[in-house]
Amino acid sequence: MPATLPDISRRGSRRIENAGIMDKIQALELKLDTLIDQVQQLAADNRALREQQGQWQRERQRLIQNNEAARSRVETMINRLKGLNQENQ
């Protein structure tokens, strides 16, 4: 009979060890789920930022074109005014 007591105590300690391992596995699964969520959020943020960057680049190009057109019109007006000034002299 004494031989069965250590077997029972070993089974109990195995259960405790298994429970500890299961707790660690569950904690690891929770961390992995959290990391997966964070990666997915970062990927979505990255896509949004890239789209926003594209919009800013298109807006910048439009503003550069508008600036060039305005500069050209101002130069044309200055040249006309110079021509009128020379005619009046």
N, C-alpha and C. Protein backbone atom coordinates (compact mmCIF):
# COMPACT_ATOMS: atom_id res chain seq x y z
N MET A 1 0.79 -1.20 0.00
CA MET A 1 0.00 0.00 0.00
C MET A 1 0.84 1.27 0.00
N PRO A 2 1.95 1.31 0.68
CA PRO A 2 2.75 2.54 0.66
C PRO A 2 3.21 2.90 -0.73
N ALA A 3 3.32 1.94 -1.62
CA ALA A 3 3.77 2.24 -2.98
C ALA A 3 2.74 3.07 -3.74
N THR A 4 1.48 2.99 -3.40
CA THR A 4 0.46 3.74 -4.11
C THR A 4 0.42 5.20 -3.68
N LEU A 5 0.85 5.52 -2.51
CA LEU A 5 0.82 6.91 -2.05
C LEU A 5 1.71 7.82 -2.90
N PRO A 6 2.93 7.42 -3.18
CA PRO A 6 3.73 8.29 -4.05
C PRO A 6 3.12 8.46 -5.43
N ASP A 7 2.47 7.42 -5.95
CA ASP A 7 1.82 7.53 -7.25
C ASP A 7 0.72 8.57 -7.21
N ILE A 8 -0.06 8.57 -6.16
CA ILE A 8 -1.14 9.55 -6.02
C ILE A 8 -0.56 10.95 -5.90
N SER A 9 0.45 11.09 -5.11
CA SER A 9 1.03 12.43 -4.94
C SER A 9 1.68 12.90 -6.23
N ARG A 10 2.27 11.98 -7.01
CA ARG A 10 2.86 12.37 -8.28
C ARG A 10 1.78 12.80 -9.27
N ARG A 11 0.67 12.10 -9.25
CA ARG A 11 -0.43 12.48 -10.14
C ARG A 11 -0.94 13.87 -9.79
N GLY A 12 -1.04 14.14 -8.52
CA GLY A 12 -1.48 15.46 -8.09
C GLY A 12 -0.50 16.53 -8.51
N SER A 13 0.78 16.25 -8.36
CA SER A 13 1.78 17.26 -8.76
C SER A 13 1.80 17.42 -10.28
N ARG A 14 1.53 16.34 -11.02
CA ARG A 14 1.45 16.46 -12.47
C ARG A 14 0.27 17.33 -12.88
N ARG A 15 -0.83 17.15 -12.19
CA ARG A 15 -1.99 17.99 -12.48
C ARG A 15 -1.67 19.46 -12.23
N ILE A 16 -1.00 19.71 -11.14
CA ILE A 16 -0.62 21.10 -10.81
C ILE A 16 0.34 21.62 -11.87
N GLU A 17 1.33 20.79 -12.26
CA GLU A 17 2.26 21.21 -13.31
C GLU A 17 1.52 21.46 -14.62
N ASN A 18 0.62 20.54 -14.96
CA ASN A 18 -0.16 20.70 -16.19
C ASN A 18 -1.02 21.95 -16.13
N ALA A 19 -1.60 22.22 -14.98
CA ALA A 19 -2.41 23.43 -14.83
C ALA A 19 -1.54 24.67 -15.00
N GLY A 20 -0.34 24.64 -14.46
CA GLY A 20 0.58 25.77 -14.62
C GLY A 20 0.98 25.96 -16.07
N ILE A 21 1.22 24.85 -16.74
CA ILE A 21 1.57 24.92 -18.16
C ILE A 21 0.40 25.46 -18.96
N MET A 22 -0.80 24.99 -18.65
CA MET A 22 -1.99 25.47 -19.35
C MET A 22 -2.18 26.97 -19.13
N ASP A 23 -1.94 27.43 -17.91
CA ASP A 23 -2.04 28.86 -17.64
C ASP A 23 -1.04 29.64 -18.47
N LYS A 24 0.17 29.10 -18.57
CA LYS A 24 1.20 29.78 -19.37
C LYS A 24 0.83 29.78 -20.85
N ILE A 25 0.26 28.67 -21.32
CA ILE A 25 -0.16 28.59 -22.72
C ILE A 25 -1.28 29.59 -22.99
N GLN A 26 -2.24 29.67 -22.07
CA GLN A 26 -3.33 30.61 -22.24
C GLN A 26 -2.83 32.05 -22.22
N ALA A 27 -1.86 32.34 -21.33
CA ALA A 27 -1.29 33.68 -21.28
C ALA A 27 -0.56 33.99 -22.59
N LEU A 28 0.15 33.01 -23.11
CA LEU A 28 0.86 33.18 -24.38
C LEU A 28 -0.12 33.39 -25.53
N GLU A 29 -1.21 32.63 -25.53
CA GLU A 29 -2.23 32.81 -26.56
C GLU A 29 -2.84 34.20 -26.51
N LEU A 30 -3.07 34.68 -25.30
CA LEU A 30 -3.61 36.03 -25.14
C LEU A 30 -2.63 37.08 -25.67
N LYS A 31 -1.36 36.89 -25.37
CA LYS A 31 -0.34 37.83 -25.87
C LYS A 31 -0.28 37.78 -27.40
N LEU A 32 -0.35 36.57 -27.95
CA LEU A 32 -0.32 36.43 -29.41
C LEU A 32 -1.54 37.09 -30.05
N ASP A 33 -2.71 36.90 -29.45
CA ASP A 33 -3.91 37.55 -29.97
C ASP A 33 -3.77 39.07 -29.94
N THR A 34 -3.20 39.56 -28.84
CA THR A 34 -2.98 41.01 -28.73
C THR A 34 -2.01 41.50 -29.79
N LEU A 35 -0.93 40.76 -30.01
CA LEU A 35 0.04 41.13 -31.04
C LEU A 35 -0.57 41.09 -32.43
N ILE A 36 -1.38 40.08 -32.70
CA ILE A 36 -2.04 39.99 -34.00
C ILE A 36 -2.95 41.19 -34.21
N ASP A 37 -3.71 41.56 -33.17
CA ASP A 37 -4.58 42.74 -33.27
C ASP A 37 -3.77 44.00 -33.54
N GLN A 38 -2.63 44.12 -32.84
CA GLN A 38 -1.79 45.30 -33.03
C GLN A 38 -1.21 45.35 -34.43
N VAL A 39 -0.78 44.21 -34.95
CA VAL A 39 -0.23 44.16 -36.31
C VAL A 39 -1.30 44.54 -37.33
N GLN A 40 -2.51 44.03 -37.13
CA GLN A 40 -3.60 44.37 -38.04
C GLN A 40 -3.92 45.86 -37.98
N GLN A 41 -3.91 46.43 -36.78
CA GLN A 41 -4.18 47.87 -36.64
C GLN A 41 -3.07 48.69 -37.29
N LEU A 42 -1.82 48.26 -37.08
CA LEU A 42 -0.71 48.98 -37.70
C LEU A 42 -0.77 48.89 -39.23
N ALA A 43 -1.16 47.75 -39.74
CA ALA A 43 -1.29 47.60 -41.20
C ALA A 43 -2.38 48.53 -41.73
N ALA A 44 -3.50 48.61 -41.02
CA ALA A 44 -4.57 49.51 -41.44
C ALA A 44 -4.11 50.97 -41.36
N ASP A 45 -3.41 51.32 -40.28
CA ASP A 45 -2.90 52.69 -40.14
C ASP A 45 -1.91 53.00 -41.26
N ASN A 46 -1.07 52.03 -41.59
CA ASN A 46 -0.08 52.22 -42.64
C ASN A 46 -0.75 52.47 -43.99
N ARG A 47 -1.80 51.68 -44.28
CA ARG A 47 -2.54 51.88 -45.54
C ARG A 47 -3.16 53.29 -45.57
N ALA A 48 -3.74 53.70 -44.45
CA ALA A 48 -4.38 55.01 -44.39
C ALA A 48 -3.34 56.12 -44.57
N LEU A 49 -2.18 55.96 -43.94
CA LEU A 49 -1.12 56.97 -44.07
C LEU A 49 -0.58 57.04 -45.50
N ARG A 50 -0.45 55.89 -46.13
CA ARG A 50 0.02 55.89 -47.53
C ARG A 50 -0.99 56.57 -48.45
N GLU A 51 -2.26 56.34 -48.21
CA GLU A 51 -3.29 57.01 -49.00
C GLU A 51 -3.25 58.52 -48.76
N GLN A 52 -3.10 58.89 -47.51
CA GLN A 52 -3.03 60.32 -47.18
C GLN A 52 -1.79 60.95 -47.82
N GLN A 53 -0.69 60.23 -47.81
CA GLN A 53 0.53 60.74 -48.44
C GLN A 53 0.30 60.96 -49.93
N GLY A 54 -0.38 60.03 -50.58
CA GLY A 54 -0.70 60.19 -52.00
C GLY A 54 -1.57 61.41 -52.24
N GLN A 55 -2.53 61.63 -51.37
CA GLN A 55 -3.40 62.80 -51.50
C GLN A 55 -2.59 64.09 -51.34
N TRP A 56 -1.70 64.12 -50.37
CA TRP A 56 -0.87 65.32 -50.17
C TRP A 56 0.04 65.56 -51.36
N GLN A 57 0.58 64.48 -51.93
CA GLN A 57 1.44 64.64 -53.10
C GLN A 57 0.65 65.18 -54.29
N ARG A 58 -0.57 64.70 -54.48
CA ARG A 58 -1.41 65.21 -55.57
C ARG A 58 -1.77 66.68 -55.33
N GLU A 59 -2.08 67.02 -54.08
CA GLU A 59 -2.40 68.41 -53.75
C GLU A 59 -1.19 69.31 -53.97
N ARG A 60 -0.02 68.83 -53.57
CA ARG A 60 1.21 69.61 -53.78
C ARG A 60 1.45 69.86 -55.27
N GLN A 61 1.27 68.83 -56.08
CA GLN A 61 1.46 68.98 -57.53
C GLN A 61 0.48 69.99 -58.10
N ARG A 62 -0.77 69.93 -57.64
CA ARG A 62 -1.78 70.89 -58.12
C ARG A 62 -1.39 72.31 -57.72
N LEU A 63 -0.91 72.49 -56.50
CA LEU A 63 -0.51 73.82 -56.06
C LEU A 63 0.70 74.34 -56.83
N ILE A 64 1.63 73.46 -57.13
CA ILE A 64 2.80 73.86 -57.93
C ILE A 64 2.34 74.32 -59.32
N GLN A 65 1.42 73.60 -59.92
CA GLN A 65 0.92 73.98 -61.24
C GLN A 65 0.19 75.32 -61.19
N ASN A 66 -0.63 75.51 -60.15
CA ASN A 66 -1.33 76.79 -60.00
C ASN A 66 -0.34 77.93 -59.80
N ASN A 67 0.70 77.69 -59.04
CA ASN A 67 1.72 78.71 -58.79
C ASN A 67 2.45 79.08 -60.08
N GLU A 68 2.78 78.07 -60.87
CA GLU A 68 3.45 78.32 -62.15
C GLU A 68 2.55 79.12 -63.09
N ALA A 69 1.28 78.77 -63.13
CA ALA A 69 0.34 79.48 -64.00
C ALA A 69 0.20 80.94 -63.56
N ALA A 70 0.11 81.16 -62.25
CA ALA A 70 -0.01 82.54 -61.73
C ALA A 70 1.27 83.33 -62.03
N ARG A 71 2.43 82.69 -61.84
CA ARG A 71 3.70 83.36 -62.12
C ARG A 71 3.79 83.75 -63.59
N SER A 72 3.35 82.87 -64.46
CA SER A 72 3.37 83.15 -65.89
C SER A 72 2.46 84.34 -66.23
N ARG A 73 1.27 84.36 -65.63
CA ARG A 73 0.34 85.47 -65.89
C ARG A 73 0.93 86.80 -65.39
N VAL A 74 1.57 86.76 -64.22
CA VAL A 74 2.16 87.99 -63.66
C VAL A 74 3.30 88.46 -64.57
N GLU A 75 4.13 87.56 -65.04
CA GLU A 75 5.22 87.94 -65.95
C GLU A 75 4.67 88.54 -67.24
N THR A 76 3.59 87.96 -67.75
CA THR A 76 2.96 88.50 -68.96
C THR A 76 2.47 89.92 -68.72
N MET A 77 1.82 90.15 -67.58
CA MET A 77 1.32 91.49 -67.26
C MET A 77 2.47 92.49 -67.10
N ILE A 78 3.55 92.06 -66.46
CA ILE A 78 4.70 92.94 -66.28
C ILE A 78 5.28 93.32 -67.64
N ASN A 79 5.41 92.35 -68.53
CA ASN A 79 5.95 92.64 -69.87
C ASN A 79 5.03 93.59 -70.65
N ARG A 80 3.72 93.42 -70.51
CA ARG A 80 2.78 94.33 -71.18
C ARG A 80 2.92 95.74 -70.62
N LEU A 81 3.04 95.83 -69.29
CA LEU A 81 3.19 97.15 -68.68
C LEU A 81 4.50 97.81 -69.12
N LYS A 82 5.55 97.05 -69.23
CA LYS A 82 6.82 97.60 -69.70
C LYS A 82 6.67 98.08 -71.15
N GLY A 83 5.96 97.30 -71.96
CA GLY A 83 5.74 97.68 -73.34
C GLY A 83 4.91 98.96 -73.44
N LEU A 84 3.89 99.09 -72.62
CA LEU A 84 3.07 100.30 -72.62
C LEU A 84 3.90 101.50 -72.16
N ASN A 85 4.73 101.29 -71.17
CA ASN A 85 5.59 102.37 -70.65
C ASN A 85 6.56 102.84 -71.71
N GLN A 86 7.13 101.91 -72.48
CA GLN A 86 8.06 102.29 -73.53
C GLN A 86 7.34 103.03 -74.66
N GLU A 87 6.10 102.65 -74.95
CA GLU A 87 5.34 103.32 -76.00
C GLU A 87 5.00 104.75 -75.60
N ASN A 88 4.76 104.96 -74.33
CA ASN A 88 4.39 106.30 -73.85
C ASN A 88 5.59 107.21 -73.70
N GLN A 89 6.76 106.70 -73.75
CA GLN A 89 7.92 107.58 -73.58
C GLN A 89 8.35 108.19 -74.85
